Structures are given as C-alpha cells and as structure tokens.
Amino acid sequence: RLLVQESLLPTVKEGLIRPVKDKVEIRSIPKICAIIVLTEKHVGIGLPKLDGKMDYMIFAGDDPESLKWAGDLFEDQWKKAKPWHP
C-alpha cells in the first residue's frame, strides 16, 4: 500500500505509478506525518524537521514494539486517506 500527500499528487507521474498500480493500493491524505517503510521484519521511519520539511534521516527498528507502533501509525493514516486512481 502506498500513501501519498495530496500536495504531491500533481508531481506523481503516470510512468512512475504504472508498473505498480495493479499491485499496489494508493490513497492520498492532506498531510503525511511520517515516512514509513514497513515489512514483516523491519521498519524505517522518517519524521519532519522543525521547519516542516521531511527529514530523510531515518530511525530503523526490528523489534516487535517498533513494528507494532509503525503499523498502528500507518493504519491510522490509511483510514483517514481517500482512494486515489491516476
């Protein structure tokens, strides 16, 4: 699943999404609160800096607590997002 910030939708190119759109559900949300890359075994989390711009330095984890926290945060944001179809 892919969650995209609404302000970035105009810059998302059809060519970038085409290879994955049949395999990935895409939703949009007004503001992304964190970058989350989550697998069954690992998580990477990037948070915004004080100026609001995203910091691409990430926190990484593989412990059950980190995986649950990141999964819960993603699910919360996913439920607030609306489906997007290019």
PDB file of N, CA and C in Angstrom:
ATOM      1  N   ARG A   1       0.839  -1.183   0.000  1.00  0.00           N
ATOM      2  CA  ARG A   1       0.000   0.000   0.000  1.00  0.00           C
ATOM      3  C   ARG A   1       0.874   1.233   0.000  1.00  0.00           C
ATOM      4  N   LEU A   2       0.420   2.262  -0.700  1.00  0.00           N
ATOM      5  CA  LEU A   2       1.177   3.494  -0.834  1.00  0.00           C
ATOM      6  C   LEU A   2       0.288   4.662  -0.456  1.00  0.00           C
ATOM      7  N   LEU A   3       0.777   5.489   0.447  1.00  0.00           N
ATOM      8  CA  LEU A   3       0.058   6.678   0.911  1.00  0.00           C
ATOM      9  C   LEU A   3       0.816   7.901   0.419  1.00  0.00           C
ATOM     10  N   VAL A   4       0.121   8.785  -0.324  1.00  0.00           N
ATOM     11  CA  VAL A   4       0.750   9.949  -0.951  1.00  0.00           C
ATOM     12  C   VAL A   4       0.116  11.218  -0.401  1.00  0.00           C
ATOM     13  N   GLN A   5       0.936  12.207  -0.102  1.00  0.00           N
ATOM     14  CA  GLN A   5       0.432  13.503   0.343  1.00  0.00           C
ATOM     15  C   GLN A   5      -0.248  14.208  -0.829  1.00  0.00           C
ATOM     16  N   GLU A   6      -1.452  14.779  -0.601  1.00  0.00           N
ATOM     17  CA  GLU A   6      -2.238  15.391  -1.669  1.00  0.00           C
ATOM     18  C   GLU A   6      -1.472  16.447  -2.450  1.00  0.00           C
ATOM     19  N   SER A   7      -0.669  17.261  -1.785  1.00  0.00           N
ATOM     20  CA  SER A   7       0.052  18.319  -2.487  1.00  0.00           C
ATOM     21  C   SER A   7       1.080  17.758  -3.472  1.00  0.00           C
ATOM     22  N   LEU A   8       1.449  16.493  -3.317  1.00  0.00           N
ATOM     23  CA  LEU A   8       2.429  15.884  -4.213  1.00  0.00           C
ATOM     24  C   LEU A   8       1.790  15.145  -5.384  1.00  0.00           C
ATOM     25  N   LEU A   9       0.463  14.985  -5.372  1.00  0.00           N
ATOM     26  CA  LEU A   9      -0.203  14.245  -6.438  1.00  0.00           C
ATOM     27  C   LEU A   9       0.073  14.809  -7.831  1.00  0.00           C
ATOM     28  N   PRO A  10       0.071  16.142  -8.025  1.00  0.00           N
ATOM     29  CA  PRO A  10       0.342  16.647  -9.373  1.00  0.00           C
ATOM     30  C   PRO A  10       1.736  16.282  -9.891  1.00  0.00           C
ATOM     31  N   THR A  11       2.668  16.010  -9.007  1.00  0.00           N
ATOM     32  CA  THR A  11       4.021  15.682  -9.449  1.00  0.00           C
ATOM     33  C   THR A  11       4.235  14.179  -9.621  1.00  0.00           C
ATOM     34  N   VAL A  12       3.249  13.378  -9.207  1.00  0.00           N
ATOM     35  CA  VAL A  12       3.365  11.931  -9.375  1.00  0.00           C
ATOM     36  C   VAL A  12       3.113  11.618 -10.845  1.00  0.00           C
ATOM     37  N   LYS A  13       4.092  11.085 -11.500  1.00  0.00           N
ATOM     38  CA  LYS A  13       3.999  10.806 -12.920  1.00  0.00           C
ATOM     39  C   LYS A  13       3.355   9.438 -13.140  1.00  0.00           C
ATOM     40  N   GLU A  14       2.483   9.371 -14.145  1.00  0.00           N
ATOM     41  CA  GLU A  14       1.837   8.107 -14.505  1.00  0.00           C
ATOM     42  C   GLU A  14       2.876   7.017 -14.745  1.00  0.00           C
ATOM     43  N   GLY A  15       4.000   7.367 -15.347  1.00  0.00           N
ATOM     44  CA  GLY A  15       5.039   6.384 -15.639  1.00  0.00           C
ATOM     45  C   GLY A  15       5.658   5.781 -14.391  1.00  0.00           C
ATOM     46  N   LEU A  16       5.676   6.548 -13.299  1.00  0.00           N
ATOM     47  CA  LEU A  16       6.239   6.020 -12.052  1.00  0.00           C
ATOM     48  C   LEU A  16       5.269   5.064 -11.378  1.00  0.00           C
ATOM     49  N   ILE A  17       3.976   5.320 -11.541  1.00  0.00           N
ATOM     50  CA  ILE A  17       2.960   4.518 -10.873  1.00  0.00           C
ATOM     51  C   ILE A  17       2.534   3.319 -11.718  1.00  0.00           C
ATOM     52  N   ARG A  18       2.564   3.444 -13.032  1.00  0.00           N
ATOM     53  CA  ARG A  18       2.053   2.398 -13.918  1.00  0.00           C
ATOM     54  C   ARG A  18       2.575   1.003 -13.579  1.00  0.00           C
ATOM     55  N   PRO A  19       3.883   0.829 -13.325  1.00  0.00           N
ATOM     56  CA  PRO A  19       4.367  -0.533 -13.043  1.00  0.00           C
ATOM     57  C   PRO A  19       3.792  -1.149 -11.766  1.00  0.00           C
ATOM     58  N   VAL A  20       3.323  -0.326 -10.830  1.00  0.00           N
ATOM     59  CA  VAL A  20       2.857  -0.880  -9.559  1.00  0.00           C
ATOM     60  C   VAL A  20       1.369  -0.717  -9.313  1.00  0.00           C
ATOM     61  N   LYS A  21       0.647   0.075 -10.133  1.00  0.00           N
ATOM     62  CA  LYS A  21      -0.728   0.411  -9.783  1.00  0.00           C
ATOM     63  C   LYS A  21      -1.663  -0.785  -9.769  1.00  0.00           C
ATOM     64  N   ASP A  22      -1.345  -1.857 -10.500  1.00  0.00           N
ATOM     65  CA  ASP A  22      -2.183  -3.053 -10.448  1.00  0.00           C
ATOM     66  C   ASP A  22      -1.884  -3.906  -9.229  1.00  0.00           C
ATOM     67  N   LYS A  23      -0.757  -3.654  -8.583  1.00  0.00           N
ATOM     68  CA  LYS A  23      -0.335  -4.459  -7.444  1.00  0.00           C
ATOM     69  C   LYS A  23      -0.395  -3.704  -6.123  1.00  0.00           C
ATOM     70  N   VAL A  24      -0.534  -2.372  -6.208  1.00  0.00           N
ATOM     71  CA  VAL A  24      -0.463  -1.537  -5.016  1.00  0.00           C
ATOM     72  C   VAL A  24      -1.719  -0.673  -4.916  1.00  0.00           C
ATOM     73  N   GLU A  25      -2.308  -0.656  -3.753  1.00  0.00           N
ATOM     74  CA  GLU A  25      -3.438   0.241  -3.494  1.00  0.00           C
ATOM     75  C   GLU A  25      -2.870   1.599  -3.096  1.00  0.00           C
ATOM     76  N   ILE A  26      -3.385   2.658  -3.712  1.00  0.00           N
ATOM     77  CA  ILE A  26      -2.869   4.001  -3.474  1.00  0.00           C
ATOM     78  C   ILE A  26      -3.964   4.864  -2.879  1.00  0.00           C
ATOM     79  N   ARG A  27      -3.635   5.596  -1.827  1.00  0.00           N
ATOM     80  CA  ARG A  27      -4.540   6.558  -1.220  1.00  0.00           C
ATOM     81  C   ARG A  27      -3.801   7.873  -1.019  1.00  0.00           C
ATOM     82  N   SER A  28      -4.586   8.954  -0.893  1.00  0.00           N
ATOM     83  CA  SER A  28      -3.983  10.266  -0.644  1.00  0.00           C
ATOM     84  C   SER A  28      -4.543  10.847   0.648  1.00  0.00           C
ATOM     85  N   ILE A  29      -3.737  11.678   1.268  1.00  0.00           N
ATOM     86  CA  ILE A  29      -4.088  12.310   2.540  1.00  0.00           C
ATOM     87  C   ILE A  29      -3.552  13.750   2.498  1.00  0.00           C
ATOM     88  N   PRO A  30      -4.232  14.683   3.153  1.00  0.00           N
ATOM     89  CA  PRO A  30      -3.773  16.078   3.093  1.00  0.00           C
ATOM     90  C   PRO A  30      -2.324  16.280   3.528  1.00  0.00           C
ATOM     91  N   LYS A  31      -1.891  15.636   4.598  1.00  0.00           N
ATOM     92  CA  LYS A  31      -0.524  15.842   5.102  1.00  0.00           C
ATOM     93  C   LYS A  31       0.026  14.526   5.637  1.00  0.00           C
ATOM     94  N   ILE A  32       1.201  14.174   5.178  1.00  0.00           N
ATOM     95  CA  ILE A  32       1.889  12.983   5.676  1.00  0.00           C
ATOM     96  C   ILE A  32       2.596  13.353   6.978  1.00  0.00           C
ATOM     97  N   CYS A  33       2.378  12.569   8.024  1.00  0.00           N
ATOM     98  CA  CYS A  33       3.008  12.881   9.308  1.00  0.00           C
ATOM     99  C   CYS A  33       4.358  12.194   9.477  1.00  0.00           C
ATOM    100  N   ALA A  34       4.629  11.175   8.669  1.00  0.00           N
ATOM    101  CA  ALA A  34       5.897  10.458   8.759  1.00  0.00           C
ATOM    102  C   ALA A  34       6.073   9.618   7.508  1.00  0.00           C
ATOM    103  N   ILE A  35       7.323   9.382   7.143  1.00  0.00           N
ATOM    104  CA  ILE A  35       7.615   8.417   6.083  1.00  0.00           C
ATOM    105  C   ILE A  35       7.806   7.080   6.785  1.00  0.00           C
ATOM    106  N   ILE A  36       7.021   6.096   6.376  1.00  0.00           N
ATOM    107  CA  ILE A  36       7.103   4.778   6.999  1.00  0.00           C
ATOM    108  C   ILE A  36       7.328   3.732   5.914  1.00  0.00           C
ATOM    109  N   VAL A  37       8.399   2.979   6.057  1.00  0.00           N
ATOM    110  CA  VAL A  37       8.656   1.834   5.195  1.00  0.00           C
ATOM    111  C   VAL A  37       8.616   0.629   6.128  1.00  0.00           C
ATOM    112  N   LEU A  38       7.639  -0.245   5.895  1.00  0.00           N
ATOM    113  CA  LEU A  38       7.375  -1.326   6.844  1.00  0.00           C
ATOM    114  C   LEU A  38       7.268  -2.663   6.123  1.00  0.00           C
ATOM    115  N   THR A  39       8.032  -3.637   6.607  1.00  0.00           N
ATOM    116  CA  THR A  39       7.909  -5.017   6.143  1.00  0.00           C
ATOM    117  C   THR A  39       7.526  -5.862   7.353  1.00  0.00           C
ATOM    118  N   GLU A  40       7.465  -7.148   7.162  1.00  0.00           N
ATOM    119  CA  GLU A  40       7.131  -8.027   8.285  1.00  0.00           C
ATOM    120  C   GLU A  40       8.228  -8.042   9.353  1.00  0.00           C
ATOM    121  N   LYS A  41       9.469  -7.710   8.951  1.00  0.00           N
ATOM    122  CA  LYS A  41      10.601  -7.837   9.873  1.00  0.00           C
ATOM    123  C   LYS A  41      11.320  -6.541  10.211  1.00  0.00           C
ATOM    124  N   HIS A  42      11.113  -5.477   9.405  1.00  0.00           N
ATOM    125  CA  HIS A  42      11.866  -4.238   9.607  1.00  0.00           C
ATOM    126  C   HIS A  42      10.984  -3.018   9.384  1.00  0.00           C
ATOM    127  N   VAL A  43      11.381  -1.919  10.021  1.00  0.00           N
ATOM    128  CA  VAL A  43      10.703  -0.641   9.808  1.00  0.00           C
ATOM    129  C   VAL A  43      11.739   0.471   9.728  1.00  0.00           C
ATOM    130  N   GLY A  44      11.462   1.426   8.847  1.00  0.00           N
ATOM    131  CA  GLY A  44      12.235   2.660   8.771  1.00  0.00           C
ATOM    132  C   GLY A  44      11.250   3.813   8.880  1.00  0.00           C
ATOM    133  N   ILE A  45      11.550   4.788   9.725  1.00  0.00           N
ATOM    134  CA  ILE A  45      10.633   5.908   9.967  1.00  0.00           C
ATOM    135  C   ILE A  45      11.397   7.216   9.820  1.00  0.00           C
ATOM    136  N   GLY A  46      10.882   8.110   8.979  1.00  0.00           N
ATOM    137  CA  GLY A  46      11.424   9.456   8.822  1.00  0.00           C
ATOM    138  C   GLY A  46      10.392  10.454   9.313  1.00  0.00           C
ATOM    139  N   LEU A  47      10.813  11.400  10.128  1.00  0.00           N
ATOM    140  CA  LEU A  47       9.900  12.394  10.707  1.00  0.00           C
ATOM    141  C   LEU A  47      10.236  13.782  10.190  1.00  0.00           C
ATOM    142  N   PRO A  48       9.270  14.700  10.228  1.00  0.00           N
ATOM    143  CA  PRO A  48       9.559  16.061   9.760  1.00  0.00           C
ATOM    144  C   PRO A  48      10.472  16.812  10.720  1.00  0.00           C
ATOM    145  N   LYS A  49      11.229  17.763  10.146  1.00  0.00           N
ATOM    146  CA  LYS A  49      12.067  18.645  10.954  1.00  0.00           C
ATOM    147  C   LYS A  49      11.195  19.765  11.521  1.00  0.00           C
ATOM    148  N   LEU A  50      11.760  20.604  12.337  1.00  0.00           N
ATOM    149  CA  LEU A  50      11.009  21.694  12.955  1.00  0.00           C
ATOM    150  C   LEU A  50      10.418  22.659  11.929  1.00  0.00           C
ATOM    151  N   ASP A  51      11.071  22.780  10.766  1.00  0.00           N
ATOM    152  CA  ASP A  51      10.547  23.683   9.736  1.00  0.00           C
ATOM    153  C   ASP A  51       9.450  23.030   8.891  1.00  0.00           C
ATOM    154  N   GLY A  52       9.096  21.782   9.202  1.00  0.00           N
ATOM    155  CA  GLY A  52       8.022  21.089   8.496  1.00  0.00           C
ATOM    156  C   GLY A  52       8.479  20.254   7.324  1.00  0.00           C
ATOM    157  N   LYS A  53       9.718  20.457   6.860  1.00  0.00           N
ATOM    158  CA  LYS A  53      10.230  19.658   5.758  1.00  0.00           C
ATOM    159  C   LYS A  53      10.616  18.282   6.284  1.00  0.00           C
ATOM    160  N   MET A  54      10.450  17.272   5.418  1.00  0.00           N
ATOM    161  CA  MET A  54      10.718  15.913   5.841  1.00  0.00           C
ATOM    162  C   MET A  54      12.218  15.694   6.004  1.00  0.00           C
ATOM    163  N   ASP A  55      12.604  15.059   7.088  1.00  0.00           N
ATOM    164  CA  ASP A  55      13.990  14.694   7.348  1.00  0.00           C
ATOM    165  C   ASP A  55      14.175  13.269   6.841  1.00  0.00           C
ATOM    166  N   TYR A  56      15.096  13.075   5.928  1.00  0.00           N
ATOM    167  CA  TYR A  56      15.283  11.755   5.336  1.00  0.00           C
ATOM    168  C   TYR A  56      16.287  10.896   6.097  1.00  0.00           C
ATOM    169  N   MET A  57      16.730  11.378   7.247  1.00  0.00           N
ATOM    170  CA  MET A  57      17.465  10.519   8.176  1.00  0.00           C
ATOM    171  C   MET A  57      16.397   9.676   8.858  1.00  0.00           C
ATOM    172  N   ILE A  58      16.585   8.382   8.908  1.00  0.00           N
ATOM    173  CA  ILE A  58      15.518   7.537   9.429  1.00  0.00           C
ATOM    174  C   ILE A  58      15.917   6.830  10.721  1.00  0.00           C
ATOM    175  N   PHE A  59      14.883   6.490  11.476  1.00  0.00           N
ATOM    176  CA  PHE A  59      15.024   5.582  12.605  1.00  0.00           C
ATOM    177  C   PHE A  59      14.696   4.202  12.058  1.00  0.00           C
ATOM    178  N   ALA A  60      15.456   3.209  12.445  1.00  0.00           N
ATOM    179  CA  ALA A  60      15.213   1.850  11.977  1.00  0.00           C
ATOM    180  C   ALA A  60      14.983   0.946  13.172  1.00  0.00           C
ATOM    181  N   GLY A  61      14.152  -0.055  12.972  1.00  0.00           N
ATOM    182  CA  GLY A  61      13.896  -0.996  14.053  1.00  0.00           C
ATOM    183  C   GLY A  61      13.462  -2.344  13.523  1.00  0.00           C
ATOM    184  N   ASP A  62      13.638  -3.349  14.356  1.00  0.00           N
ATOM    185  CA  ASP A  62      13.166  -4.682  14.002  1.00  0.00           C
ATOM    186  C   ASP A  62      12.557  -5.396  15.208  1.00  0.00           C
ATOM    187  N   ASP A  63      12.386  -4.654  16.293  1.00  0.00           N
ATOM    188  CA  ASP A  63      11.785  -5.246  17.488  1.00  0.00           C
ATOM    189  C   ASP A  63      10.255  -5.177  17.375  1.00  0.00           C
ATOM    190  N   PRO A  64       9.554  -6.072  18.050  1.00  0.00           N
ATOM    191  CA  PRO A  64       8.094  -6.121  17.939  1.00  0.00           C
ATOM    192  C   PRO A  64       7.392  -4.806  18.301  1.00  0.00           C
ATOM    193  N   GLU A  65       7.904  -4.085  19.288  1.00  0.00           N
ATOM    194  CA  GLU A  65       7.265  -2.836  19.694  1.00  0.00           C
ATOM    195  C   GLU A  65       7.344  -1.782  18.591  1.00  0.00           C
ATOM    196  N   SER A  66       8.498  -1.665  17.953  1.00  0.00           N
ATOM    197  CA  SER A  66       8.662  -0.707  16.854  1.00  0.00           C
ATOM    198  C   SER A  66       7.778  -1.063  15.670  1.00  0.00           C
ATOM    199  N   LEU A  67       7.727  -2.353  15.337  1.00  0.00           N
ATOM    200  CA  LEU A  67       6.898  -2.798  14.223  1.00  0.00           C
ATOM    201  C   LEU A  67       5.421  -2.527  14.495  1.00  0.00           C
ATOM    202  N   LYS A  68       4.968  -2.764  15.717  1.00  0.00           N
ATOM    203  CA  LYS A  68       3.570  -2.514  16.059  1.00  0.00           C
ATOM    204  C   LYS A  68       3.262  -1.025  16.022  1.00  0.00           C
ATOM    205  N   TRP A  69       4.139  -0.196  16.603  1.00  0.00           N
ATOM    206  CA  TRP A  69       3.916   1.248  16.619  1.00  0.00           C
ATOM    207  C   TRP A  69       3.813   1.791  15.201  1.00  0.00           C
ATOM    208  N   ALA A  70       4.747   1.402  14.336  1.00  0.00           N
ATOM    209  CA  ALA A  70       4.747   1.887  12.961  1.00  0.00           C
ATOM    210  C   ALA A  70       3.510   1.380  12.210  1.00  0.00           C
ATOM    211  N   GLY A  71       3.152   0.137  12.433  1.00  0.00           N
ATOM    212  CA  GLY A  71       1.956  -0.414  11.790  1.00  0.00           C
ATOM    213  C   GLY A  71       0.697   0.300  12.227  1.00  0.00           C
ATOM    214  N   ASP A  72       0.592   0.588  13.521  1.00  0.00           N
ATOM    215  CA  ASP A  72      -0.574   1.313  14.038  1.00  0.00           C
ATOM    216  C   ASP A  72      -0.648   2.728  13.464  1.00  0.00           C
ATOM    217  N   LEU A  73       0.500   3.416  13.381  1.00  0.00           N
ATOM    218  CA  LEU A  73       0.530   4.764  12.818  1.00  0.00           C
ATOM    219  C   LEU A  73       0.116   4.741  11.349  1.00  0.00           C
ATOM    220  N   PHE A  74       0.652   3.798  10.580  1.00  0.00           N
ATOM    221  CA  PHE A  74       0.289   3.705   9.171  1.00  0.00           C
ATOM    222  C   PHE A  74      -1.205   3.421   9.020  1.00  0.00           C
ATOM    223  N   GLU A  75      -1.726   2.473   9.772  1.00  0.00           N
ATOM    224  CA  GLU A  75      -3.152   2.132   9.681  1.00  0.00           C
ATOM    225  C   GLU A  75      -4.034   3.330  10.026  1.00  0.00           C
ATOM    226  N   ASP A  76      -3.646   4.111  11.027  1.00  0.00           N
ATOM    227  CA  ASP A  76      -4.405   5.310  11.393  1.00  0.00           C
ATOM    228  C   ASP A  76      -4.455   6.285  10.222  1.00  0.00           C
ATOM    229  N   GLN A  77      -3.310   6.537   9.593  1.00  0.00           N
ATOM    230  CA  GLN A  77      -3.250   7.453   8.463  1.00  0.00           C
ATOM    231  C   GLN A  77      -3.988   6.882   7.245  1.00  0.00           C
ATOM    232  N   TRP A  78      -3.871   5.580   7.030  1.00  0.00           N
ATOM    233  CA  TRP A  78      -4.526   4.917   5.908  1.00  0.00           C
ATOM    234  C   TRP A  78      -6.048   5.064   6.004  1.00  0.00           C
ATOM    235  N   LYS A  79      -6.579   4.886   7.198  1.00  0.00           N
ATOM    236  CA  LYS A  79      -8.030   5.000   7.400  1.00  0.00           C
ATOM    237  C   LYS A  79      -8.535   6.421   7.153  1.00  0.00           C
ATOM    238  N   LYS A  80      -7.689   7.420   7.358  1.00  0.00           N
ATOM    239  CA  LYS A  80      -8.068   8.819   7.147  1.00  0.00           C
ATOM    240  C   LYS A  80      -7.928   9.240   5.679  1.00  0.00           C
ATOM    241  N   ALA A  81      -7.218   8.452   4.891  1.00  0.00           N
ATOM    242  CA  ALA A  81      -6.926   8.794   3.497  1.00  0.00           C
ATOM    243  C   ALA A  81      -8.076   8.366   2.586  1.00  0.00           C
ATOM    244  N   LYS A  82      -8.076   8.936   1.369  1.00  0.00           N
ATOM    245  CA  LYS A  82      -9.100   8.575   0.390  1.00  0.00           C
ATOM    246  C   LYS A  82      -8.428   7.883  -0.800  1.00  0.00           C
ATOM    247  N   PRO A  83      -9.129   6.952  -1.426  1.00  0.00           N
ATOM    248  CA  PRO A  83      -8.558   6.242  -2.573  1.00  0.00           C
ATOM    249  C   PRO A  83      -8.165   7.195  -3.688  1.00  0.00           C
ATOM    250  N   TRP A  84      -7.093   6.866  -4.372  1.00  0.00           N
ATOM    251  CA  TRP A  84      -6.616   7.668  -5.499  1.00  0.00           C
ATOM    252  C   TRP A  84      -6.411   6.756  -6.698  1.00  0.00           C
ATOM    253  N   HIS A  85      -6.939   7.181  -7.825  1.00  0.00           N
ATOM    254  CA  HIS A  85      -6.802   6.436  -9.069  1.00  0.00           C
ATOM    255  C   HIS A  85      -6.282   7.381 -10.141  1.00  0.00           C
ATOM    256  N   PRO A  86      -5.056   7.187 -10.585  1.00  0.00           N
ATOM    257  CA  PRO A  86      -4.492   8.087 -11.605  1.00  0.00           C
ATOM    258  C   PRO A  86      -5.239   7.974 -12.928  1.00  0.00           C
TER     259      PRO A  86
END
